[in-house]
Amino acid sequence: MDHRRILPLALALASGGVLAAGAAYQVDTAEVSEAGSCKLEAWYSQSRAGDDIAAANPACVVDIGRPVEFGAQFARARTDDVYASTATPKVKTNLVPSAIGKFGLAAAVGFAYDATGGEATTFFADLPATLRLSEVLRINLNAGWLRDRVYGEDYGTYGAGFDLRTPDNVWTLTGELFGQAVAPAPPGANRPRFQLGVRYRPVDPFNIDLIYGRNLIGDEGNWLTVSATIRFH
C-alpha cells in the first residue's frame, strides 16, 4: 500500500474532512456561536499499533450579515513511519436554529491541503442537523459530499451521534458513528467509524475530553484521543 498517497486522504477523512466537524469528535452540530466568539481546540490520538494524529483547530465567528464561523484545522499524522501534514480550512453557518423538538440545520464547506505533497487533496460540503430532545439531550445527524482529487473519486459522507450532559453542563457523554460511502471501494473502506467520549467542563470557557475510537483511519484499529478546548471573546 502506498502510504504516502493514502495517509493524507485518511488524515482528511479522520480529522475534519469526512464531516467538516474539524474537531476530535467528527459528527458536527448545527450550532454556530455568537459573532465575536473564538475557540481553540487541540487534540492527540494514538492507536494501539502506535500510529498517531495531532491537531489544532482555531476558529472564530464573524458577523457578515449572519454569523459565520471561519476555522482551519492543522494536523500531523504518522502511520508505519510515514508522516503527513494537512491544513483544512472550513466555513460554517447556521441556516435554521435548533430548539427542543425542532431540527436545526447548518451548512459547511472546506478543503484539505496536503502540506507534505503540496496539493489540495479533498473538497467537502456537509449539512449538519441537530434535534434537541430535552435540555440535556440532543441528536446530531450529518450528510455530505467529499471529492478525492488524488484518485478522482466522489464520496458520500454520513454521521449520527448524541450528546447527553448533566444539568450543570459539567459532564457530557458523546457517542457517534460516521463514515463514507464510495463505490467501487477497497475492502473495509466503507466500514463505519465509531467514537465514545466523556467531556469534563469545570468552567464554561474550558473543557477536556477523553475519547475511545474504532477504525478512525480505516485501519480497524483501536484509538484513544485526548482533547482540550478553550473559548474566548
Protein backbone atom coordinates (compact mmCIF):
# COMPACT_ATOMS: atom_id res chain seq x y z
CA MET A 1 0.00 0.00 0.00
CA ASP A 2 1.31 3.45 -0.91
CA HIS A 3 1.02 5.18 2.47
CA ARG A 4 2.41 8.43 1.07
CA ARG A 5 -0.69 8.63 -1.13
CA ILE A 6 -3.19 7.08 1.27
CA LEU A 7 -2.24 8.85 4.52
CA PRO A 8 -3.16 12.45 3.56
CA LEU A 9 -6.62 11.28 2.45
CA ALA A 10 -7.03 9.13 5.55
CA LEU A 11 -5.97 12.08 7.69
CA ALA A 12 -8.54 14.30 5.98
CA LEU A 13 -11.21 11.64 6.48
CA ALA A 14 -10.30 11.20 10.15
CA SER A 15 -9.78 14.81 11.14
CA GLY A 16 -12.36 17.08 9.66
CA GLY A 17 -12.72 16.08 6.03
CA VAL A 18 -15.40 13.43 6.45
CA LEU A 19 -17.98 15.57 8.16
CA ALA A 20 -16.43 19.00 8.36
CA ALA A 21 -16.53 18.95 12.12
CA GLY A 22 -12.87 19.87 12.31
CA ALA A 23 -12.63 18.50 15.83
CA ALA A 24 -11.77 15.43 17.87
CA TYR A 25 -15.44 14.50 17.58
CA GLN A 26 -16.33 14.03 13.93
CA VAL A 27 -20.12 14.43 13.87
CA ASP A 28 -20.84 18.14 13.65
CA THR A 29 -23.74 20.07 15.19
CA ALA A 30 -25.99 22.67 13.59
CA GLU A 31 -24.90 25.23 16.18
CA VAL A 32 -22.78 28.30 15.48
CA SER A 33 -21.63 30.52 18.36
CA GLU A 34 -22.40 34.23 18.57
CA ALA A 35 -20.41 36.68 16.48
CA GLY A 36 -17.15 37.73 18.11
CA SER A 37 -16.56 34.41 19.86
CA CYS A 38 -13.49 32.27 19.22
CA LYS A 39 -12.20 28.88 20.31
CA LEU A 40 -9.07 26.80 20.07
CA GLU A 41 -9.22 23.01 20.20
CA ALA A 42 -6.15 20.79 20.32
CA TRP A 43 -6.18 17.01 20.35
CA TYR A 44 -3.93 13.98 20.14
CA SER A 45 -4.94 10.47 19.05
CA GLN A 46 -2.89 7.29 19.23
CA SER A 47 -3.78 3.81 18.03
CA ARG A 48 -2.89 0.57 19.73
CA ALA A 49 -0.49 -0.07 16.84
CA GLY A 50 1.39 3.15 17.64
CA ASP A 51 0.08 5.32 14.79
CA ASP A 52 -0.88 8.83 15.86
CA ILE A 53 -2.58 12.08 14.86
CA ALA A 54 -2.05 15.51 16.45
CA ALA A 55 -4.17 18.51 15.51
CA ALA A 56 -5.04 22.09 16.43
CA ASN A 57 -8.16 23.88 15.24
CA PRO A 58 -8.61 27.64 15.81
CA ALA A 59 -11.99 29.12 14.80
CA CYS A 60 -13.81 32.45 15.14
CA VAL A 61 -17.33 33.62 14.34
CA VAL A 62 -17.72 36.80 12.27
CA ASP A 63 -20.92 38.70 11.50
CA ILE A 64 -21.11 39.21 7.72
CA GLY A 65 -24.85 39.73 7.60
CA ARG A 66 -25.20 36.47 9.55
CA PRO A 67 -22.86 34.70 12.00
CA VAL A 68 -20.30 32.69 10.01
CA GLU A 69 -17.62 30.51 11.59
CA PHE A 70 -14.20 30.54 9.95
CA GLY A 71 -11.80 27.84 11.08
CA ALA A 72 -8.77 25.86 9.97
CA GLN A 73 -7.51 22.57 11.30
CA PHE A 74 -3.78 21.83 11.18
CA ALA A 75 -2.95 18.15 11.60
CA ARG A 76 0.10 15.90 11.59
CA ALA A 77 -0.20 12.11 11.32
CA ARG A 78 2.12 9.12 11.32
CA THR A 79 1.42 5.55 10.24
CA ASP A 80 4.02 2.85 9.55
CA ASP A 81 6.73 5.53 9.91
CA VAL A 82 5.20 7.60 7.10
CA TYR A 83 4.29 11.19 8.02
CA ALA A 84 1.72 13.58 6.55
CA SER A 85 0.66 17.13 7.39
CA THR A 86 -2.63 18.71 6.35
CA ALA A 87 -4.40 22.04 6.69
CA THR A 88 -8.20 22.01 6.47
CA PRO A 89 -9.89 25.44 6.22
CA LYS A 90 -13.66 25.39 6.80
CA VAL A 91 -16.56 27.85 6.71
CA LYS A 92 -19.84 27.11 8.51
CA THR A 93 -23.10 28.96 9.10
CA ASN A 94 -26.40 28.10 10.75
CA LEU A 95 -29.43 28.07 8.44
CA VAL A 96 -32.20 27.04 10.85
CA PRO A 97 -31.82 27.45 14.65
CA SER A 98 -32.46 24.33 16.72
CA ALA A 99 -34.96 24.11 19.57
CA ILE A 100 -36.43 21.39 21.75
CA GLY A 101 -38.43 19.16 19.44
CA LYS A 102 -37.29 21.04 16.33
CA PHE A 103 -34.44 20.29 13.92
CA GLY A 104 -31.76 22.91 13.35
CA LEU A 105 -29.69 22.93 10.17
CA ALA A 106 -26.29 24.31 9.17
CA ALA A 107 -24.05 24.21 6.11
CA ALA A 108 -20.27 23.83 5.98
CA VAL A 109 -17.74 23.77 3.14
CA GLY A 110 -13.97 23.46 3.01
CA PHE A 111 -10.97 21.65 1.62
CA ALA A 112 -7.92 19.73 2.82
CA TYR A 113 -4.43 20.72 1.72
CA ASP A 114 -1.67 18.13 1.91
CA ALA A 115 1.35 20.14 3.03
CA THR A 116 3.61 17.12 2.56
CA GLY A 117 2.71 16.68 -1.10
CA GLY A 118 1.92 20.33 -1.78
CA GLU A 119 -1.58 19.89 -3.19
CA ALA A 120 -5.24 20.23 -2.28
CA THR A 121 -6.37 16.61 -1.88
CA THR A 122 -10.06 16.94 -1.00
CA PHE A 123 -13.00 19.31 -1.17
CA PHE A 124 -16.05 18.77 1.03
CA ALA A 125 -19.52 20.06 1.82
CA ASP A 126 -21.71 19.00 4.72
CA LEU A 127 -25.19 19.58 6.15
CA PRO A 128 -25.21 19.09 9.95
CA ALA A 129 -28.64 18.80 11.61
CA THR A 130 -29.37 18.90 15.35
CA LEU A 131 -32.54 17.82 17.17
CA ARG A 132 -32.83 18.78 20.83
CA LEU A 133 -34.90 16.18 22.67
CA SER A 134 -34.58 17.97 26.03
CA GLU A 135 -32.38 20.49 27.82
CA VAL A 136 -29.72 17.80 28.31
CA LEU A 137 -30.01 15.50 25.27
CA ARG A 138 -29.53 16.21 21.59
CA ILE A 139 -29.17 14.13 18.43
CA ASN A 140 -26.84 15.16 15.60
CA LEU A 141 -27.15 13.93 12.01
CA ASN A 142 -24.74 14.73 9.17
CA ALA A 143 -24.85 14.15 5.42
CA GLY A 144 -22.25 15.38 2.99
CA TRP A 145 -20.03 15.01 -0.04
CA LEU A 146 -16.27 14.77 -0.39
CA ARG A 147 -14.23 14.95 -3.59
CA ASP A 148 -10.96 12.98 -3.51
CA ARG A 149 -8.70 14.71 -6.03
CA VAL A 150 -5.92 12.15 -5.59
CA TYR A 151 -7.94 9.25 -7.00
CA GLY A 152 -10.70 11.22 -8.73
CA GLU A 153 -13.46 9.73 -6.56
CA ASP A 154 -16.60 11.24 -5.04
CA TYR A 155 -17.57 10.10 -1.54
CA GLY A 156 -20.87 10.33 0.22
CA THR A 157 -20.28 11.04 3.92
CA TYR A 158 -22.58 10.45 6.87
CA GLY A 159 -22.70 10.61 10.63
CA ALA A 160 -25.02 10.22 13.59
CA GLY A 161 -24.37 10.97 17.22
CA PHE A 162 -25.77 12.02 20.58
CA ASP A 163 -24.73 14.34 23.40
CA LEU A 164 -26.08 13.67 26.90
CA ARG A 165 -24.98 16.13 29.56
CA THR A 166 -25.60 16.70 33.22
CA PRO A 167 -27.96 19.61 34.08
CA ASP A 168 -24.99 21.72 35.25
CA ASN A 169 -23.16 21.07 31.93
CA VAL A 170 -20.06 19.84 33.76
CA TRP A 171 -20.13 16.30 32.31
CA THR A 172 -21.15 15.20 28.81
CA LEU A 173 -21.29 11.73 27.26
CA THR A 174 -20.96 11.68 23.46
CA GLY A 175 -21.33 8.73 21.12
CA GLU A 176 -21.05 8.80 17.35
CA LEU A 177 -20.91 6.71 14.19
CA PHE A 178 -19.57 8.18 10.96
CA GLY A 179 -18.01 7.21 7.66
CA GLN A 180 -18.03 7.32 3.91
CA ALA A 181 -19.74 5.57 1.03
CA VAL A 182 -17.93 5.11 -2.25
CA ALA A 183 -18.20 2.51 -4.98
CA PRO A 184 -16.15 0.71 -6.03
CA ALA A 185 -14.23 0.63 -2.74
CA PRO A 186 -11.30 -1.41 -1.44
CA PRO A 187 -12.12 -3.96 1.28
CA GLY A 188 -13.09 -2.25 4.52
CA ALA A 189 -13.07 1.28 3.11
CA ASN A 190 -16.78 1.79 3.73
CA ARG A 191 -16.86 0.30 7.20
CA PRO A 192 -18.16 2.85 9.71
CA ARG A 193 -16.02 4.53 12.34
CA PHE A 194 -17.09 4.80 15.99
CA GLN A 195 -16.24 7.06 18.91
CA LEU A 196 -17.42 7.27 22.53
CA GLY A 197 -16.16 10.03 24.79
CA VAL A 198 -16.57 11.81 28.11
CA ARG A 199 -16.24 15.58 28.45
CA TYR A 200 -15.35 17.43 31.66
CA ARG A 201 -16.17 21.16 31.65
CA PRO A 202 -15.23 22.63 35.04
CA VAL A 203 -15.75 26.21 33.82
CA ASP A 204 -17.71 27.43 30.81
CA PRO A 205 -14.75 28.55 28.64
CA PHE A 206 -12.75 25.30 29.02
CA ASN A 207 -13.25 21.56 28.62
CA ILE A 208 -11.22 18.39 28.23
CA ASP A 209 -12.31 15.14 26.57
CA LEU A 210 -11.21 11.52 26.72
CA ILE A 211 -12.41 9.56 23.68
CA TYR A 212 -12.21 5.92 22.61
CA GLY A 213 -12.35 5.38 18.85
CA ARG A 214 -12.50 2.43 16.49
CA ASN A 215 -11.33 2.34 12.86
CA LEU A 216 -10.61 6.10 12.69
CA ILE A 217 -8.49 5.91 9.53
CA GLY A 218 -9.95 2.70 8.10
CA ASP A 219 -7.35 0.51 9.81
CA GLU A 220 -9.75 -1.44 12.09
CA GLY A 221 -7.61 -0.21 14.97
CA ASN A 222 -8.46 0.98 18.47
CA TRP A 223 -7.68 4.64 19.17
CA LEU A 224 -7.51 6.81 22.28
CA THR A 225 -7.88 10.59 21.99
CA VAL A 226 -7.26 13.39 24.49
CA SER A 227 -8.69 16.79 23.57
CA ALA A 228 -8.83 20.25 25.15
CA THR A 229 -10.85 23.30 24.09
CA ILE A 230 -10.70 26.91 25.27
CA ARG A 231 -13.28 29.56 24.29
CA PHE A 232 -12.87 33.33 24.41
CA HIS A 233 -14.16 36.63 23.01
